Amino acid sequence: MANNQDTPSHNATELAQPMNVGLLGIGTVGGGTYGVLARNAAEITRRAGRPIRITHVADKNIALAQQATHGQVAVTDDAFAVVANPDIDIVVELIGGYGVAKELVMQAIANGKHVVTANKALLAVHGNEIFAAAQAKGVIVAFEAAVAGGIPIVKAVREGLTANRIDWIAGIINGTTNFILSEMRDKGLSFADALQDAKRLGYAEADPTFDVEGVDAAHKITILSALAFGIPMQFDRAHIEGISKLEADDIRYAEQLGYRIKLLGITRRRELNGKAGIELRVHPTLIPAKRLIANVEGVMNAVLVQGDAVGATLYYGRGAGAEPTASAVIADLVDVTRMHTADPEHRVPHLAFQPGAVEDTPVLPLSAIETSYYLRLRVDDKPGVLADITRILADQDISIEAMIQREPGEGESQTDIIILTHMTIEQNIDVAIAKIEALPAVKKPATRLRMEALG
């Protein structure tokens, strides 16, 4: 059979040549990647069609790099030298952050090298620029490890669900916060005490801000939103709330009402005033306890995807750690190796949709999102208070699904009222809360949490 003139031919000798990899950063994930690639070399070669070998490692800690690689590869503290090396086919970026990592990735692309990265922050903020550069140069930027660690969610959304119109994605995509919420529920701990447990066990960083304030999850849901809906990365439009202000009382009340609280990243396609829009948000969320995703505990991750043809699909596994994340990095290395010899125009698009088909569908402001709400109000225990509150809600077309009024303890003059609403627009809740907080009988700012049925 004659070869298509537009398709390059590659002889058996060339295909037998190893793909040479330059590894930037050999910390937890880098060390896991090196170890798994070495341990499973024969199996990976069978799947990739040719050997994949790490030949160069760059790390500021040269002694650590030499120890981790057993002196079997070239080690340097100059990552730019690795990126410039003409013998390197694929650069694996595991440095993290927005700064030097971006310079290295862009330089690798300019040098005609494929890139594999686990850097969700870099892609969420600078992904549009990075993917455009890769497309122009005809190289691949692979990023399975950037979202949910070892769970192959990027490939599932980009390829496995390609026949579907994705309606929404909701995910527990940060293991640190999920562990903290599990501890608060199981042991009745405060946020501060549960965070200390997470630090002691190595599940939380010394500075856990990106995790507990929802930024890490927002990076990941930004990437999933672009994959699901064919829109540019729009991290700056995401609404982000963390769990640091969550109180143990709300965990307990949610449980009494049949719900669990999880930090969710949510993205949803919506029609608003006859125009398409995208919800993009991260916040603590009440989920019915009977849902599978509500029962994901500890440091585990789970992503729920709703497609019009397939319905709901759930992806569960370890979202972090040396070998789970290495699993995703190496899967990308295999994919890049398989696609290396393919015509760039026939490769799987970076963000699922062909570059010319990406749409500028706007991310909706938070005031326009539509969901249900949990409200906790601290009020004087006296007649007429509940009637005033329900009247304000009714005036904003907000109907009540369920309510608890806690009996005050002996000698107490105040009590908690907990209200679950039906679906409404966020701006209606904003107006109602402002009016409720202005009532003389309401003694503290209202606690507001969003709810999702996810079914």
Protein backbone atom coordinates (compact mmCIF):
# COMPACT_ATOMS: atom_id res chain seq x y z
CA MET A 1 0.00 0.00 0.00
CA ALA A 2 1.40 3.37 -0.95
CA ASN A 3 1.99 5.94 1.76
CA ASN A 4 -0.14 9.08 1.73
CA GLN A 5 2.19 11.85 0.57
CA ASP A 6 1.04 14.09 3.45
CA THR A 7 1.92 11.47 6.08
CA PRO A 8 5.59 11.08 7.02
CA SER A 9 6.90 7.51 6.86
CA HIS A 10 9.09 6.19 9.66
CA ASN A 11 11.23 3.11 9.27
CA ALA A 12 11.52 0.38 11.86
CA THR A 13 14.97 1.56 12.96
CA GLU A 14 13.67 5.02 13.82
CA LEU A 15 10.68 3.63 15.72
CA ALA A 16 13.00 1.41 17.76
CA GLN A 17 14.99 4.42 18.95
CA PRO A 18 14.17 5.53 22.51
CA MET A 19 12.31 8.76 23.21
CA ASN A 20 14.68 10.81 25.35
CA VAL A 21 13.13 12.69 28.25
CA GLY A 22 14.45 15.65 30.21
CA LEU A 23 12.94 15.77 33.72
CA LEU A 24 12.71 19.19 35.36
CA GLY A 25 12.30 18.67 39.10
CA ILE A 26 12.80 15.40 40.95
CA GLY A 27 10.84 16.01 44.12
CA THR A 28 7.89 13.86 45.16
CA VAL A 29 6.27 13.51 41.72
CA GLY A 30 9.54 13.58 39.79
CA GLY A 31 10.99 10.84 41.96
CA GLY A 32 7.82 8.80 41.54
CA THR A 33 7.96 9.26 37.78
CA TYR A 34 11.57 8.14 37.58
CA GLY A 35 10.88 5.11 39.76
CA VAL A 36 7.71 3.90 38.02
CA LEU A 37 9.21 4.42 34.57
CA ALA A 38 12.23 2.32 35.56
CA ARG A 39 10.18 -0.37 37.31
CA ASN A 40 7.69 -0.84 34.48
CA ALA A 41 10.03 -0.11 31.58
CA ALA A 42 9.27 -3.29 29.64
CA GLU A 43 5.49 -2.92 29.96
CA ILE A 44 5.62 0.77 29.02
CA THR A 45 7.78 0.02 25.96
CA ARG A 46 5.27 -2.61 24.81
CA ARG A 47 2.49 -0.04 25.02
CA ALA A 48 4.37 2.91 23.58
CA GLY A 49 6.00 1.00 20.73
CA ARG A 50 9.47 2.24 21.62
CA PRO A 51 11.49 2.78 24.82
CA ILE A 52 11.00 5.92 26.88
CA ARG A 53 14.00 6.86 28.96
CA ILE A 54 14.87 9.78 31.21
CA THR A 55 18.36 10.84 30.15
CA HIS A 56 18.69 14.23 31.87
CA VAL A 57 17.41 15.58 35.19
CA ALA A 58 17.49 19.20 36.35
CA ASP A 59 17.07 20.06 40.01
CA LYS A 60 18.51 22.72 42.30
CA ASN A 61 19.43 19.94 44.71
CA ILE A 62 21.99 18.05 42.65
CA ALA A 63 22.84 15.62 45.45
CA LEU A 64 19.19 14.64 45.78
CA ALA A 65 18.86 14.20 42.02
CA GLN A 66 21.96 12.00 41.87
CA GLN A 67 20.70 9.90 44.76
CA ALA A 68 17.22 9.52 43.23
CA THR A 69 18.62 8.47 39.84
CA HIS A 70 21.42 6.27 41.23
CA GLY A 71 23.94 8.14 39.10
CA GLN A 72 22.48 6.67 35.91
CA VAL A 73 21.53 9.91 34.13
CA ALA A 74 23.05 13.31 33.52
CA VAL A 75 22.17 15.71 36.36
CA THR A 76 22.36 19.50 36.35
CA ASP A 77 21.01 22.46 38.28
CA ASP A 78 20.39 24.34 35.01
CA ALA A 79 16.92 23.49 33.72
CA PHE A 80 17.37 25.73 30.68
CA ALA A 81 20.33 23.60 29.58
CA VAL A 82 18.06 20.55 29.54
CA VAL A 83 15.39 22.42 27.56
CA ALA A 84 18.03 23.47 25.02
CA ASN A 85 19.62 20.01 24.67
CA PRO A 86 19.09 18.83 21.06
CA ASP A 87 19.00 15.17 22.15
CA ILE A 88 15.90 15.67 24.33
CA ASP A 89 12.57 14.80 22.68
CA ILE A 90 10.16 15.45 25.59
CA VAL A 91 10.49 17.86 28.52
CA VAL A 92 8.63 16.92 31.72
CA GLU A 93 7.99 20.05 33.81
CA LEU A 94 7.41 19.26 37.51
CA ILE A 95 8.72 22.49 39.03
CA GLY A 96 5.35 24.15 39.57
CA GLY A 97 4.33 27.77 39.89
CA TYR A 98 3.78 30.52 37.36
CA GLY A 99 7.28 31.99 36.98
CA VAL A 100 10.31 30.05 35.75
CA ALA A 101 8.07 27.09 34.86
CA LYS A 102 6.36 29.19 32.19
CA GLU A 103 9.71 30.33 30.76
CA LEU A 104 10.92 26.74 30.57
CA VAL A 105 7.73 25.44 28.95
CA MET A 106 7.66 28.22 26.36
CA GLN A 107 11.35 27.71 25.58
CA ALA A 108 10.86 23.96 25.21
CA ILE A 109 8.02 24.59 22.75
CA ALA A 110 10.13 27.12 20.83
CA ASN A 111 12.87 24.47 20.61
CA GLY A 112 10.40 22.03 19.04
CA LYS A 113 10.11 19.74 22.06
CA HIS A 114 6.97 18.12 23.37
CA VAL A 115 6.02 18.99 26.95
CA VAL A 116 4.41 16.96 29.73
CA THR A 117 3.40 18.95 32.82
CA ALA A 118 1.58 18.47 36.11
CA ASN A 119 1.37 22.23 36.61
CA LYS A 120 -2.34 23.10 36.94
CA ALA A 121 -1.62 26.65 38.10
CA LEU A 122 0.47 27.38 35.01
CA LEU A 123 -2.14 25.99 32.61
CA ALA A 124 -5.13 27.62 34.30
CA VAL A 125 -3.47 31.06 34.15
CA HIS A 126 -1.31 30.85 31.00
CA GLY A 127 -2.74 27.83 29.17
CA ASN A 128 -4.23 29.82 26.29
CA GLU A 129 -0.81 31.23 25.40
CA ILE A 130 0.97 27.91 25.91
CA PHE A 131 -1.42 25.87 23.76
CA ALA A 132 -1.38 28.48 20.98
CA ALA A 133 2.43 28.34 20.90
CA ALA A 134 2.40 24.53 20.85
CA GLN A 135 -0.15 24.48 18.03
CA ALA A 136 1.93 26.89 15.96
CA LYS A 137 5.09 24.83 16.52
CA GLY A 138 3.42 21.46 15.90
CA VAL A 139 4.29 19.99 19.31
CA ILE A 140 2.21 18.44 22.06
CA VAL A 141 1.58 19.76 25.58
CA ALA A 142 0.16 16.91 27.68
CA PHE A 143 -1.26 17.54 31.15
CA GLU A 144 -3.18 14.56 32.54
CA ALA A 145 -1.32 14.87 35.85
CA ALA A 146 -2.46 18.48 36.29
CA VAL A 147 -5.99 17.46 37.33
CA ALA A 148 -6.87 14.86 40.00
CA GLY A 149 -3.50 13.11 40.13
CA GLY A 150 -3.81 9.49 39.07
CA ILE A 151 -7.43 9.73 37.89
CA PRO A 152 -7.44 9.84 34.04
CA ILE A 153 -10.11 12.53 33.94
CA VAL A 154 -8.52 14.67 31.21
CA LYS A 155 -8.45 11.75 28.79
CA ALA A 156 -11.97 10.74 29.78
CA VAL A 157 -13.43 14.17 29.05
CA ARG A 158 -11.29 14.90 25.99
CA GLU A 159 -11.57 11.50 24.31
CA GLY A 160 -13.79 9.01 26.11
CA LEU A 161 -16.80 11.36 26.22
CA THR A 162 -16.18 13.06 22.88
CA ALA A 163 -19.63 12.02 21.55
CA ASN A 164 -21.38 13.87 24.37
CA ARG A 165 -22.55 17.38 24.94
CA ILE A 166 -21.22 17.85 28.46
CA ASP A 167 -23.83 19.46 30.70
CA TRP A 168 -21.83 19.84 33.90
CA ILE A 169 -18.84 18.65 35.90
CA ALA A 170 -18.60 18.61 39.69
CA GLY A 171 -15.52 17.35 41.47
CA ILE A 172 -13.79 16.79 44.78
CA ILE A 173 -10.41 17.71 43.35
CA ASN A 174 -8.34 18.65 46.39
CA GLY A 175 -7.39 15.88 48.80
CA THR A 176 -6.25 18.18 51.62
CA THR A 177 -9.63 19.85 51.99
CA ASN A 178 -11.49 16.57 51.63
CA PHE A 179 -9.42 15.09 54.46
CA ILE A 180 -10.13 18.11 56.67
CA LEU A 181 -13.87 17.94 56.01
CA SER A 182 -13.88 14.19 56.69
CA GLU A 183 -12.14 14.79 60.03
CA MET A 184 -14.57 17.57 60.95
CA ARG A 185 -17.52 15.29 60.25
CA ASP A 186 -16.17 12.07 61.75
CA LYS A 187 -14.58 13.54 64.88
CA GLY A 188 -16.52 16.77 65.39
CA LEU A 189 -13.31 18.79 65.09
CA SER A 190 -13.02 22.47 64.34
CA PHE A 191 -11.42 23.51 61.06
CA ALA A 192 -8.24 24.58 62.89
CA ASP A 193 -7.87 21.23 64.69
CA ALA A 194 -8.57 19.20 61.54
CA LEU A 195 -5.98 21.28 59.64
CA GLN A 196 -3.39 20.48 62.31
CA ASP A 197 -4.15 16.78 61.87
CA ALA A 198 -3.68 17.15 58.12
CA LYS A 199 -0.31 18.83 58.62
CA ARG A 200 0.83 16.23 61.14
CA LEU A 201 0.01 13.41 58.70
CA GLY A 202 1.64 15.14 55.74
CA TYR A 203 -1.63 15.84 53.88
CA ALA A 204 -1.31 19.62 54.17
CA GLU A 205 1.60 21.89 53.28
CA ALA A 206 3.23 24.17 55.85
CA ASP A 207 1.38 26.97 54.05
CA PRO A 208 -1.93 25.36 53.01
CA THR A 209 -3.54 28.54 51.64
CA PHE A 210 -3.90 27.39 48.02
CA ASP A 211 -5.62 24.21 49.21
CA VAL A 212 -7.91 25.40 52.01
CA GLU A 213 -8.94 28.62 50.25
CA GLY A 214 -9.97 26.74 47.10
CA VAL A 215 -7.35 28.11 44.68
CA ASP A 216 -5.91 24.69 43.81
CA ALA A 217 -9.38 23.32 43.05
CA ALA A 218 -10.14 26.43 40.97
CA HIS A 219 -7.06 25.84 38.82
CA LYS A 220 -8.27 22.30 38.11
CA ILE A 221 -11.93 23.10 37.41
CA THR A 222 -10.79 25.89 35.06
CA ILE A 223 -8.94 23.27 32.99
CA LEU A 224 -11.90 20.86 33.05
CA SER A 225 -14.27 23.64 32.02
CA ALA A 226 -12.16 24.43 28.95
CA LEU A 227 -12.09 20.73 28.03
CA ALA A 228 -15.81 20.23 28.56
CA PHE A 229 -17.18 23.28 26.79
CA GLY A 230 -14.54 24.29 24.26
CA ILE A 231 -13.82 27.67 25.84
CA PRO A 232 -10.52 29.38 26.67
CA MET A 233 -9.03 29.07 30.15
CA GLN A 234 -10.73 31.73 32.29
CA PHE A 235 -9.30 31.29 35.77
CA ASP A 236 -9.66 34.99 36.49
CA ARG A 237 -13.46 34.64 36.13
CA ALA A 238 -13.83 31.73 38.56
CA HIS A 239 -15.61 32.26 41.88
CA ILE A 240 -13.44 30.85 44.67
CA GLU A 241 -14.37 30.13 48.29
CA GLY A 242 -12.45 27.83 50.60
CA ILE A 243 -13.30 25.99 53.79
CA SER A 244 -11.37 28.02 56.38
CA LYS A 245 -14.53 29.76 57.63
CA LEU A 246 -16.61 26.60 57.79
CA GLU A 247 -17.86 25.78 61.28
CA ALA A 248 -18.40 22.39 62.88
CA ASP A 249 -22.03 23.37 63.62
CA ASP A 250 -22.77 23.50 59.88
CA ILE A 251 -21.23 20.07 59.32
CA ARG A 252 -23.50 18.73 62.08
CA TYR A 253 -26.67 20.46 60.90
CA ALA A 254 -26.06 19.30 57.32
CA GLU A 255 -25.75 15.73 58.58
CA GLN A 256 -29.05 16.02 60.46
CA LEU A 257 -30.73 17.14 57.24
CA GLY A 258 -29.28 14.25 55.21
CA TYR A 259 -26.40 16.09 53.56
CA ARG A 260 -22.61 16.11 53.59
CA ILE A 261 -20.43 19.14 52.95
CA LYS A 262 -17.67 18.85 50.35
CA LEU A 263 -15.47 21.43 48.66
CA LEU A 264 -16.57 21.12 45.04
CA GLY A 265 -15.27 22.54 41.81
CA ILE A 266 -18.33 23.03 39.60
CA THR A 267 -18.69 24.05 35.98
CA ARG A 268 -22.03 24.01 34.19
CA ARG A 269 -23.42 25.07 30.84
CA ARG A 270 -26.40 27.40 31.27
CA GLU A 271 -28.78 29.44 29.16
CA LEU A 272 -29.34 32.95 30.56
CA ASN A 273 -31.64 35.41 28.80
CA GLY A 274 -31.45 33.31 25.66
CA LYS A 275 -27.63 33.26 25.59
CA ALA A 276 -25.17 30.54 26.53
CA GLY A 277 -23.05 30.99 29.62
CA ILE A 278 -20.77 28.91 31.83
CA GLU A 279 -20.82 28.62 35.61
CA LEU A 280 -17.30 28.30 37.02
CA ARG A 281 -17.07 28.10 40.81
CA VAL A 282 -15.41 26.50 43.82
CA HIS A 283 -17.03 26.51 47.26
CA PRO A 284 -18.19 24.29 50.13
CA THR A 285 -21.32 22.49 48.94
CA LEU A 286 -24.07 20.44 50.56
CA ILE A 287 -24.61 17.16 48.69
CA PRO A 288 -27.30 14.56 49.54
CA ALA A 289 -25.61 11.90 51.68
CA LYS A 290 -26.96 9.11 49.47
CA ARG A 291 -24.91 10.29 46.47
CA LEU A 292 -21.74 8.30 45.79
CA ILE A 293 -19.62 11.44 45.60
CA ALA A 294 -20.83 12.51 49.05
CA ASN A 295 -19.20 9.36 50.45
CA VAL A 296 -15.73 10.06 49.07
CA GLU A 297 -13.65 10.46 52.22
CA GLY A 298 -10.11 11.25 53.32
CA VAL A 299 -7.63 12.39 50.71
CA MET A 300 -9.42 10.69 47.82
CA ASN A 301 -10.67 12.63 44.78
CA ALA A 302 -13.75 12.09 42.63
CA VAL A 303 -15.10 13.81 39.53
CA LEU A 304 -18.70 13.51 38.35
CA VAL A 305 -19.39 14.29 34.68
CA GLN A 306 -22.87 14.60 33.19
CA GLY A 307 -23.11 14.00 29.44
CA ASP A 308 -26.28 14.09 27.37
CA ALA A 309 -25.73 10.62 25.87
CA VAL A 310 -23.94 8.71 28.61
CA GLY A 311 -25.60 10.31 31.64
CA ALA A 312 -23.57 10.62 34.82
CA THR A 313 -20.12 9.03 35.05
CA LEU A 314 -17.97 9.06 38.20
CA TYR A 315 -14.15 8.93 38.27
CA TYR A 316 -12.57 8.09 41.62
CA GLY A 317 -9.05 7.63 42.90
CA ARG A 318 -5.98 9.19 44.43
CA GLY A 319 -5.64 12.83 43.49
CA ALA A 320 -2.07 13.31 44.65
CA GLY A 321 1.04 11.47 45.78
CA ALA A 322 4.24 10.30 44.15
CA GLU A 323 3.14 7.22 42.23
CA PRO A 324 -0.53 8.09 41.48
CA THR A 325 0.59 11.36 39.86
CA ALA A 326 3.53 9.59 38.21
CA SER A 327 1.00 7.21 36.65
CA ALA A 328 -0.60 10.18 34.87
CA VAL A 329 2.75 11.71 33.87
CA ILE A 330 3.89 8.43 32.30
CA ALA A 331 0.54 7.93 30.55
CA ASP A 332 1.19 11.31 28.92
CA LEU A 333 4.71 10.24 27.96
CA VAL A 334 3.25 7.16 26.26
CA ASP A 335 0.63 9.24 24.45
CA VAL A 336 3.24 11.72 23.25
CA THR A 337 5.45 8.86 22.07
CA ARG A 338 2.58 7.30 20.13
CA MET A 339 1.57 10.64 18.56
CA HIS A 340 5.10 11.92 17.98
CA THR A 341 5.18 10.62 14.41
CA ALA A 342 1.59 11.64 13.58
CA ASP A 343 0.75 14.60 11.41
CA PRO A 344 0.12 17.44 13.92
CA GLU A 345 -3.22 18.18 12.24
CA HIS A 346 -4.41 14.65 13.03
CA ARG A 347 -3.50 14.59 16.71
CA VAL A 348 -6.05 14.85 19.51
CA PRO A 349 -6.54 18.60 20.16
CA HIS A 350 -5.05 19.89 23.40
CA LEU A 351 -8.42 21.08 24.70
CA ALA A 352 -10.70 18.50 23.04
CA PHE A 353 -12.07 20.89 20.40
CA GLN A 354 -10.22 21.87 17.25
CA PRO A 355 -8.30 25.15 17.85
CA GLY A 356 -10.44 27.07 15.37
CA ALA A 357 -13.64 25.84 17.04
CA VAL A 358 -12.97 27.23 20.53
CA GLU A 359 -15.87 29.51 21.50
CA ASP A 360 -15.87 32.71 23.53
CA THR A 361 -18.83 31.65 25.68
CA PRO A 362 -18.66 33.90 28.75
CA VAL A 363 -18.29 32.76 32.34
CA LEU A 364 -21.35 33.94 34.24
CA PRO A 365 -21.01 36.23 37.26
CA LEU A 366 -21.77 34.61 40.61
CA SER A 367 -24.96 36.64 40.92
CA ALA A 368 -26.38 34.74 37.93
CA ILE A 369 -25.77 31.18 39.15
CA GLU A 370 -28.80 29.07 39.97
CA THR A 371 -28.77 26.56 42.82
CA SER A 372 -30.29 25.77 46.21
CA TYR A 373 -29.05 27.19 49.51
CA TYR A 374 -28.42 26.35 53.16
CA LEU A 375 -28.87 29.30 55.51
CA ARG A 376 -28.00 29.36 59.22
CA LEU A 377 -29.30 32.31 61.22
CA ARG A 378 -28.57 33.18 64.85
CA VAL A 379 -31.67 34.90 66.21
CA ASP A 380 -33.45 35.98 69.40
CA ASP A 381 -35.78 33.27 70.62
CA LYS A 382 -39.04 35.19 70.54
CA PRO A 383 -42.34 35.14 68.64
CA GLY A 384 -42.57 36.58 65.13
CA VAL A 385 -38.92 36.18 64.14
CA LEU A 386 -39.47 33.15 61.92
CA ALA A 387 -42.48 34.82 60.28
CA ASP A 388 -40.37 37.88 59.40
CA ILE A 389 -37.65 35.71 57.87
CA THR A 390 -40.01 33.58 55.78
CA ARG A 391 -41.81 36.71 54.53
CA ILE A 392 -38.52 38.19 53.28
CA LEU A 393 -37.67 34.95 51.48
CA ALA A 394 -41.12 34.82 49.88
CA ASP A 395 -40.77 38.43 48.70
CA GLN A 396 -37.67 37.32 46.74
CA ASP A 397 -39.49 34.29 45.25
CA ILE A 398 -37.42 31.92 47.40
CA SER A 399 -39.32 28.85 48.60
CA ILE A 400 -38.30 26.74 51.58
CA GLU A 401 -37.61 23.01 51.24
CA ALA A 402 -36.78 22.20 54.87
CA MET A 403 -36.12 23.96 58.17
CA ILE A 404 -34.74 23.26 61.64
CA GLN A 405 -35.21 25.56 64.63
CA ARG A 406 -32.92 24.44 67.43
CA GLU A 407 -34.40 24.46 70.89
CA PRO A 408 -32.45 26.94 73.03
CA GLY A 409 -30.64 25.52 76.03
CA GLU A 410 -31.59 26.38 79.56
CA GLY A 411 -31.00 30.05 80.21
CA GLU A 412 -30.29 30.82 76.52
CA SER A 413 -32.11 33.67 74.82
CA GLN A 414 -30.88 32.95 71.30
CA THR A 415 -31.18 30.01 68.92
CA ASP A 416 -30.20 28.82 65.43
CA ILE A 417 -32.62 28.60 62.53
CA ILE A 418 -31.46 26.46 59.61
CA ILE A 419 -33.25 26.81 56.28
CA LEU A 420 -32.82 24.86 53.05
CA THR A 421 -34.24 26.59 49.97
CA HIS A 422 -35.40 25.37 46.60
CA MET A 423 -33.56 26.47 43.45
CA THR A 424 -33.14 30.20 43.04
CA ILE A 425 -30.77 32.80 41.59
CA GLU A 426 -27.85 33.94 43.74
CA GLN A 427 -28.80 37.59 43.43
CA ASN A 428 -32.18 36.81 45.04
CA ILE A 429 -30.40 35.22 48.01
CA ASP A 430 -28.07 38.23 48.25
CA VAL A 431 -31.03 40.60 48.57
CA ALA A 432 -32.85 38.34 51.03
CA ILE A 433 -29.82 37.90 53.29
CA ALA A 434 -29.21 41.65 53.41
CA LYS A 435 -32.80 42.23 54.54
CA ILE A 436 -32.74 39.35 57.03
CA GLU A 437 -29.49 40.57 58.60
CA ALA A 438 -31.08 44.00 59.06
CA LEU A 439 -33.77 42.53 61.35
CA PRO A 440 -33.15 43.51 64.99
CA ALA A 441 -33.69 39.90 66.11
CA VAL A 442 -30.88 38.54 63.88
CA LYS A 443 -27.69 38.62 65.94
CA LYS A 444 -24.93 37.44 63.58
CA PRO A 445 -24.18 37.53 59.86
CA ALA A 446 -25.98 34.69 58.08
CA THR A 447 -24.05 31.58 57.09
CA ARG A 448 -24.79 30.77 53.45
CA LEU A 449 -23.73 27.52 51.74
CA ARG A 450 -24.74 26.34 48.30
CA MET A 451 -26.36 22.99 47.62
CA GLU A 452 -26.18 20.66 44.61
CA ALA A 453 -28.41 17.61 44.00
CA LEU A 454 -25.91 16.09 41.49
CA GLY A 455 -28.47 13.65 40.21
